[in-house]
Amino acid sequence: MDKKRIAVIFGGQSSEHIVSCMSAVNVINQIDRQHFELVLIGITEEGHWLKVDSVEEISSGAWRESKVEAVISPDATKKCLIITENGETRELPIDVIFPVLHGKNGEDGTIQGLFELAQIPYVGCGVLASAVSMDKLYTKIIVNALGIRQADYVPVMSWKMKRDMDATVREVEAKFSYPVFVKPSNAGSSRGVSKCADREQLIAGLTEAARHDSKILVEETIVGHEVECAVMGGGQKPVLASGVGEVLSADEFYDFDSKYFNAESRTVLNPELPGDSAERVRKAAQQIFNAVDGFGLARVDFFVTAEGEVVFNEINTLPGFTAISMYPMLWEAAGVPKDQLSEKLIAMAFER
């Protein structure tokens, strides 16, 4: 059987650039070389597309010094990468793409639009699902229609906030008591998220969130277990849900540093939860994935209160694949080893 050529794209112009590189190492190591010829493409934080020779270069960061450029041609008759080296250009046909990209310009539908133009099969959600799932405000609008409980919120536009911070603060304080959570509408890995216990912290949190996005959410605090569920499928395939995993943060909440750089943070698979809440999490995850027109994969995050109430938090259409990421761990616990998981996700790309 002839090998298919797969382009693994990582890095990207987002605040989650480093997480993408960490995820890419694990994804690349799990792809079966007997069935696939790998081409590695790194996108720098400045947006420069580079051909990368090895996974070791990704781990060390040396890939950013590559002198070989590689971009996807949007020409659907070509279905190729355009490689430029020493001033000479050549075309390299591509069969499928695995975008290991998190956050803006990678998980938000933008690069998926390029894949659609090129008509190259790709792993993961399409343009619509990627865009609405990345934008927490629009995800909330969709989930509201499902009748699934989620944290109450106040939407804040950064331009309006900058024009009159006092009015914004008063609007939040009229609705919620402290503490509140402040989140950029478009960001992942808890980038730009703050827990604010008073007015001074709220102003600081809003200012920080505005660095990441023009739309901001201020949410009520939900006290409970922070849990995650992995889903896979869509299209003509049924949407499958894994078991449930719980996040136990070493810090006050599960921010970027506690996720990736605090060894005391840990995850628990199949935790003890009140009543049948774990099953209700799984069903809600499937409902939400279908509602956003999900395809391929996603991780859906919830809170479960002491009373057993299930509260939706957010959905990630390209969840982390780092050594500590919940998505691959949940499927492994469900009987799908990491190498088989990659194989299933790639196979689905051809069934879109």
Protein backbone atom coordinates (compact mmCIF):
# COMPACT_ATOMS: atom_id res chain seq x y z
CA MET A 1 0.00 0.00 0.00
CA ASP A 2 1.33 3.43 -0.97
CA LYS A 3 1.99 5.81 1.89
CA LYS A 4 -0.13 8.92 2.16
CA ARG A 5 1.67 12.19 2.74
CA ILE A 6 0.44 14.04 5.83
CA ALA A 7 1.36 17.61 6.69
CA VAL A 8 1.44 18.29 10.43
CA ILE A 9 1.14 22.03 11.06
CA PHE A 10 2.04 23.52 14.44
CA GLY A 11 3.07 26.73 16.19
CA GLY A 12 0.96 29.61 14.94
CA GLN A 13 0.21 33.23 15.69
CA SER A 14 -1.57 32.84 18.99
CA SER A 15 -0.90 33.10 22.70
CA GLU A 16 -0.94 29.28 22.72
CA HIS A 17 2.02 28.96 20.34
CA ILE A 18 4.18 27.09 22.85
CA VAL A 19 1.33 24.68 23.74
CA SER A 20 0.91 23.87 20.06
CA CYS A 21 4.59 22.95 19.80
CA MET A 22 4.27 20.69 22.85
CA SER A 23 1.17 19.02 21.39
CA ALA A 24 2.80 18.55 17.99
CA VAL A 25 5.66 16.51 19.43
CA ASN A 26 3.20 13.99 20.86
CA VAL A 27 0.99 13.86 17.77
CA ILE A 28 3.97 13.34 15.44
CA ASN A 29 5.37 10.55 17.60
CA GLN A 30 2.03 8.70 17.44
CA ILE A 31 1.58 8.74 13.65
CA ASP A 32 2.32 5.40 11.99
CA ARG A 33 5.29 5.87 9.65
CA GLN A 34 4.36 2.66 7.81
CA HIS A 35 1.19 4.31 6.51
CA PHE A 36 2.18 7.97 6.37
CA GLU A 37 5.04 10.08 5.09
CA LEU A 38 5.30 13.10 7.36
CA VAL A 39 5.95 16.68 6.34
CA LEU A 40 6.34 19.05 9.30
CA ILE A 41 5.32 22.69 8.92
CA GLY A 42 5.95 25.22 11.67
CA ILE A 43 4.36 28.67 11.77
CA THR A 44 6.32 31.21 13.79
CA GLU A 45 4.64 33.71 16.09
CA GLU A 46 5.26 36.30 13.38
CA GLY A 47 3.40 34.17 10.84
CA HIS A 48 6.35 32.79 8.86
CA TRP A 49 5.71 29.27 7.47
CA LEU A 50 8.74 26.96 7.62
CA LYS A 51 9.48 23.38 6.65
CA VAL A 52 10.87 21.50 9.65
CA ASP A 53 13.14 18.46 9.42
CA SER A 54 12.54 16.63 12.70
CA VAL A 55 10.56 16.39 15.90
CA GLU A 56 13.81 17.04 17.79
CA GLU A 57 13.93 20.51 16.22
CA ILE A 58 10.45 21.19 17.56
CA SER A 59 11.45 20.12 21.08
CA SER A 60 14.58 22.29 21.04
CA GLY A 61 13.01 25.26 19.28
CA ALA A 62 15.65 25.10 16.53
CA TRP A 63 12.91 24.77 13.89
CA ARG A 64 12.44 28.53 13.89
CA GLU A 65 15.88 28.88 12.23
CA SER A 66 14.82 26.83 9.18
CA LYS A 67 15.70 28.45 5.85
CA VAL A 68 13.12 26.43 3.90
CA GLU A 69 9.70 28.00 3.47
CA ALA A 70 6.56 25.90 2.99
CA VAL A 71 3.03 27.22 2.46
CA ILE A 72 -0.25 25.59 1.42
CA SER A 73 -1.38 26.54 -2.06
CA PRO A 74 -5.06 27.59 -2.11
CA ASP A 75 -5.28 26.25 -5.68
CA ALA A 76 -7.66 23.28 -5.45
CA THR A 77 -6.22 21.75 -8.64
CA LYS A 78 -2.78 21.50 -7.01
CA LYS A 79 -3.50 20.15 -3.48
CA CYS A 80 0.07 20.85 -2.52
CA LEU A 81 2.64 22.67 -0.46
CA ILE A 82 4.78 25.27 -2.20
CA ILE A 83 8.34 24.75 -0.98
CA THR A 84 10.92 27.52 -1.41
CA GLU A 85 14.59 26.74 -0.79
CA ASN A 86 17.66 28.69 -1.93
CA GLY A 87 15.48 30.83 -4.16
CA GLU A 88 14.02 27.82 -5.98
CA THR A 89 10.36 26.80 -5.71
CA ARG A 90 8.80 23.38 -6.05
CA GLU A 91 5.41 21.79 -5.38
CA LEU A 92 4.90 18.93 -2.95
CA PRO A 93 1.51 17.14 -3.20
CA ILE A 94 -0.30 16.58 0.13
CA ASP A 95 -2.98 13.96 0.89
CA VAL A 96 -4.14 15.12 4.32
CA ILE A 97 -3.40 17.77 6.94
CA PHE A 98 -3.27 17.45 10.74
CA PRO A 99 -3.43 21.01 12.14
CA VAL A 100 -2.02 20.84 15.67
CA LEU A 101 -2.83 24.49 16.23
CA HIS A 102 -4.50 26.04 19.26
CA GLY A 103 -6.14 29.43 19.59
CA LYS A 104 -6.42 32.28 17.11
CA ASN A 105 -5.50 31.69 13.47
CA GLY A 106 -5.45 27.95 14.04
CA GLU A 107 -8.48 26.77 15.97
CA ASP A 108 -10.90 29.51 14.96
CA GLY A 109 -11.79 28.56 11.39
CA THR A 110 -9.26 30.77 9.63
CA ILE A 111 -6.78 28.09 8.58
CA GLN A 112 -9.62 25.61 8.09
CA GLY A 113 -10.91 28.00 5.41
CA LEU A 114 -7.55 27.68 3.63
CA PHE A 115 -7.80 23.89 3.76
CA GLU A 116 -11.29 24.10 2.27
CA LEU A 117 -10.08 26.33 -0.56
CA ALA A 118 -7.23 23.90 -1.26
CA GLN A 119 -9.67 20.96 -1.03
CA ILE A 120 -7.20 18.97 1.04
CA PRO A 121 -8.72 16.65 3.70
CA TYR A 122 -7.90 17.74 7.26
CA VAL A 123 -8.31 16.55 10.82
CA GLY A 124 -10.86 18.25 13.02
CA CYS A 125 -13.80 20.62 12.88
CA GLY A 126 -14.74 22.72 9.89
CA VAL A 127 -14.91 26.49 9.51
CA LEU A 128 -18.25 27.09 11.25
CA ALA A 129 -17.72 24.78 14.22
CA SER A 130 -14.18 26.07 14.73
CA ALA A 131 -15.27 29.72 14.63
CA VAL A 132 -18.30 29.54 16.94
CA SER A 133 -16.57 27.21 19.41
CA MET A 134 -13.51 29.46 19.64
CA ASP A 135 -15.69 32.48 20.41
CA LYS A 136 -17.06 31.88 23.89
CA LEU A 137 -19.77 34.52 23.51
CA TYR A 138 -21.28 32.85 20.45
CA THR A 139 -20.88 29.40 21.99
CA LYS A 140 -22.99 30.62 24.91
CA ILE A 141 -25.71 31.85 22.54
CA ILE A 142 -25.88 28.40 20.91
CA VAL A 143 -25.83 26.51 24.21
CA ASN A 144 -28.58 28.76 25.59
CA ALA A 145 -30.87 27.36 22.89
CA LEU A 146 -30.18 23.81 24.12
CA GLY A 147 -31.40 24.57 27.62
CA ILE A 148 -28.10 23.42 29.15
CA ARG A 149 -27.10 25.33 32.28
CA GLN A 150 -24.01 27.52 31.94
CA ALA A 151 -22.39 30.27 33.96
CA ASP A 152 -24.29 33.56 33.76
CA TYR A 153 -22.29 36.33 32.12
CA VAL A 154 -21.94 39.96 31.12
CA PRO A 155 -20.49 40.58 27.64
CA VAL A 156 -18.00 43.46 27.46
CA MET A 157 -16.75 45.14 24.27
CA SER A 158 -13.21 46.41 24.75
CA TRP A 159 -13.81 49.66 22.84
CA LYS A 160 -16.75 50.45 25.11
CA MET A 161 -14.80 49.47 28.21
CA LYS A 162 -11.87 51.71 27.26
CA ARG A 163 -14.22 54.63 26.66
CA ASP A 164 -15.91 54.26 30.06
CA MET A 165 -14.35 51.73 32.44
CA ASP A 166 -16.49 52.95 35.36
CA ALA A 167 -19.73 52.19 33.48
CA THR A 168 -18.48 48.71 32.62
CA VAL A 169 -17.54 48.00 36.23
CA ARG A 170 -20.91 49.25 37.47
CA GLU A 171 -22.72 46.97 34.99
CA VAL A 172 -20.80 43.95 36.28
CA GLU A 173 -21.27 44.84 39.94
CA ALA A 174 -25.02 45.37 39.39
CA LYS A 175 -25.32 41.76 38.22
CA PHE A 176 -22.74 39.81 40.22
CA SER A 177 -21.13 39.80 43.61
CA TYR A 178 -17.39 39.14 43.79
CA PRO A 179 -15.49 37.04 42.95
CA VAL A 180 -16.06 36.94 39.20
CA PHE A 181 -14.10 35.44 36.30
CA VAL A 182 -12.95 37.56 33.38
CA LYS A 183 -12.20 35.80 30.07
CA PRO A 184 -11.29 36.91 26.56
CA SER A 185 -14.03 35.63 24.26
CA ASN A 186 -11.44 34.27 21.82
CA ALA A 187 -8.57 32.61 23.67
CA GLY A 188 -7.69 29.17 24.95
CA SER A 189 -5.48 27.47 27.53
CA SER A 190 -6.84 30.03 30.02
CA ARG A 191 -4.77 32.79 28.43
CA GLY A 192 -5.90 36.18 29.72
CA VAL A 193 -8.29 34.68 32.30
CA SER A 194 -8.48 36.28 35.75
CA LYS A 195 -10.34 35.60 38.97
CA CYS A 196 -11.28 38.98 40.44
CA ALA A 197 -12.17 39.46 44.09
CA ASP A 198 -12.79 43.21 44.06
CA ARG A 199 -13.13 46.27 41.81
CA GLU A 200 -9.39 46.86 41.49
CA GLN A 201 -8.81 43.27 40.37
CA LEU A 202 -11.77 43.49 37.98
CA ILE A 203 -10.27 46.52 36.24
CA ALA A 204 -6.90 44.76 36.01
CA GLY A 205 -8.59 41.59 34.70
CA LEU A 206 -10.56 43.47 32.05
CA THR A 207 -7.42 45.28 30.93
CA GLU A 208 -5.51 42.00 30.63
CA ALA A 209 -8.36 40.26 28.77
CA ALA A 210 -8.52 43.16 26.30
CA ARG A 211 -4.92 42.38 25.33
CA HIS A 212 -6.16 39.05 23.94
CA ASP A 213 -9.50 39.94 22.36
CA SER A 214 -11.92 42.76 21.63
CA LYS A 215 -14.79 40.81 23.21
CA ILE A 216 -14.67 39.86 26.89
CA LEU A 217 -16.91 37.79 29.17
CA VAL A 218 -17.35 38.45 32.86
CA GLU A 219 -18.85 35.35 34.47
CA GLU A 220 -20.33 34.39 37.79
CA THR A 221 -18.18 32.05 39.87
CA ILE A 222 -19.32 28.43 39.82
CA VAL A 223 -18.07 26.33 42.73
CA GLY A 224 -17.68 22.67 41.93
CA HIS A 225 -15.66 19.94 40.29
CA GLU A 226 -13.97 21.11 37.05
CA VAL A 227 -14.47 18.23 34.63
CA GLU A 228 -13.79 17.49 30.98
CA CYS A 229 -15.21 15.07 28.42
CA ALA A 230 -13.70 14.06 25.07
CA VAL A 231 -15.91 13.59 22.02
CA MET A 232 -15.19 12.14 18.60
CA GLY A 233 -17.27 11.64 15.46
CA GLY A 234 -19.77 13.73 13.55
CA GLY A 235 -20.95 13.77 9.98
CA GLN A 236 -22.18 10.28 9.14
CA LYS A 237 -20.55 8.83 12.24
CA PRO A 238 -22.24 8.86 15.65
CA VAL A 239 -20.71 11.21 18.19
CA LEU A 240 -18.94 9.18 20.86
CA ALA A 241 -18.19 10.52 24.33
CA SER A 242 -15.39 9.31 26.58
CA GLY A 243 -15.58 9.00 30.32
CA VAL A 244 -15.15 12.10 32.47
CA GLY A 245 -11.92 13.49 33.87
CA GLU A 246 -11.48 15.99 36.69
CA VAL A 247 -8.93 18.78 36.83
CA LEU A 248 -7.30 19.36 40.23
CA SER A 249 -5.45 22.65 39.97
CA ALA A 250 -2.48 23.41 42.21
CA ASP A 251 -3.42 27.09 42.01
CA GLU A 252 -6.57 29.01 42.81
CA PHE A 253 -7.94 28.17 39.37
CA TYR A 254 -6.71 26.26 36.34
CA ASP A 255 -4.85 29.04 34.52
CA PHE A 256 -2.16 28.68 31.85
CA ASP A 257 0.75 28.24 34.25
CA SER A 258 -1.04 25.70 36.45
CA LYS A 259 -2.04 23.71 33.35
CA TYR A 260 1.37 23.39 31.78
CA PHE A 261 4.06 24.40 34.25
CA ASN A 262 2.93 23.45 37.76
CA ALA A 263 3.76 19.83 38.50
CA GLU A 264 1.34 19.86 41.47
CA SER A 265 -1.66 20.20 39.14
CA ARG A 266 -3.12 16.84 38.20
CA THR A 267 -6.03 15.13 36.53
CA VAL A 268 -8.20 12.28 37.76
CA LEU A 269 -9.96 9.93 35.37
CA ASN A 270 -13.49 8.77 36.24
CA PRO A 271 -13.73 10.77 39.48
CA GLU A 272 -16.48 10.25 42.01
CA LEU A 273 -19.22 12.74 41.15
CA PRO A 274 -22.69 13.23 42.65
CA GLY A 275 -25.49 11.01 41.36
CA ASP A 276 -25.64 10.48 37.61
CA SER A 277 -23.86 13.75 36.84
CA ALA A 278 -21.03 12.03 34.93
CA GLU A 279 -23.53 10.55 32.46
CA ARG A 280 -25.27 13.92 32.14
CA VAL A 281 -21.90 15.50 31.35
CA ARG A 282 -21.35 12.97 28.57
CA LYS A 283 -24.80 13.56 27.06
CA ALA A 284 -24.44 17.34 27.25
CA ALA A 285 -21.02 17.13 25.57
CA GLN A 286 -22.54 15.20 22.65
CA GLN A 287 -25.43 17.68 22.38
CA ILE A 288 -23.14 20.69 22.33
CA PHE A 289 -20.76 19.12 19.79
CA ASN A 290 -23.68 18.43 17.47
CA ALA A 291 -25.16 21.90 18.01
CA VAL A 292 -21.99 23.66 16.84
CA ASP A 293 -21.78 21.30 13.82
CA GLY A 294 -18.69 19.61 15.26
CA PHE A 295 -16.69 17.06 13.29
CA GLY A 296 -13.72 14.94 14.22
CA LEU A 297 -12.89 15.87 17.78
CA ALA A 298 -13.43 18.26 20.66
CA ARG A 299 -13.08 18.45 24.42
CA VAL A 300 -16.08 19.83 26.30
CA ASP A 301 -15.57 21.30 29.77
CA PHE A 302 -18.06 21.55 32.62
CA PHE A 303 -18.46 22.21 36.32
CA VAL A 304 -20.33 19.77 38.53
CA THR A 305 -21.60 21.32 41.76
CA ALA A 306 -21.88 19.55 45.11
CA GLU A 307 -25.60 19.17 44.42
CA GLY A 308 -24.87 17.38 41.15
CA GLU A 309 -25.80 20.26 38.84
CA VAL A 310 -23.95 20.15 35.49
CA VAL A 311 -22.81 23.57 34.27
CA PHE A 312 -21.23 24.00 30.80
CA ASN A 313 -17.95 25.92 30.69
CA GLU A 314 -16.46 25.79 27.16
CA ILE A 315 -15.67 23.63 24.14
CA ASN A 316 -12.26 23.23 22.50
CA THR A 317 -12.26 21.96 18.91
CA LEU A 318 -8.50 21.30 18.85
CA PRO A 319 -7.75 20.30 22.47
CA GLY A 320 -4.22 19.90 23.76
CA PHE A 321 -2.22 16.79 22.94
CA THR A 322 0.62 17.47 25.37
CA ALA A 323 1.93 14.77 27.71
CA ILE A 324 -0.54 15.95 30.40
CA SER A 325 -3.53 16.78 28.19
CA MET A 326 -6.89 15.30 29.08
CA TYR A 327 -8.19 14.51 25.57
CA PRO A 328 -5.80 11.63 24.71
CA MET A 329 -5.82 10.40 28.33
CA LEU A 330 -9.62 10.13 28.36
CA TRP A 331 -9.67 8.07 25.16
CA GLU A 332 -6.83 5.87 26.36
CA ALA A 333 -8.86 5.15 29.50
CA ALA A 334 -11.78 4.28 27.23
CA GLY A 335 -9.66 1.70 25.40
CA VAL A 336 -8.29 3.78 22.52
CA PRO A 337 -4.46 4.01 22.75
CA LYS A 338 -2.80 7.22 21.54
CA ASP A 339 -1.55 5.72 18.27
CA GLN A 340 -5.01 4.37 17.45
CA LEU A 341 -6.54 7.72 18.36
CA SER A 342 -4.37 9.53 15.81
CA GLU A 343 -5.22 6.88 13.23
CA LYS A 344 -8.97 7.29 13.83
CA LEU A 345 -8.80 11.10 13.64
CA ILE A 346 -6.82 11.00 10.39
CA ALA A 347 -9.19 8.40 8.90
CA MET A 348 -12.16 10.68 9.65
CA ALA A 349 -10.49 13.49 7.69
CA PHE A 350 -11.14 11.53 4.51
CA GLU A 351 -14.83 11.06 5.42
CA ARG A 352 -15.79 14.71 5.77
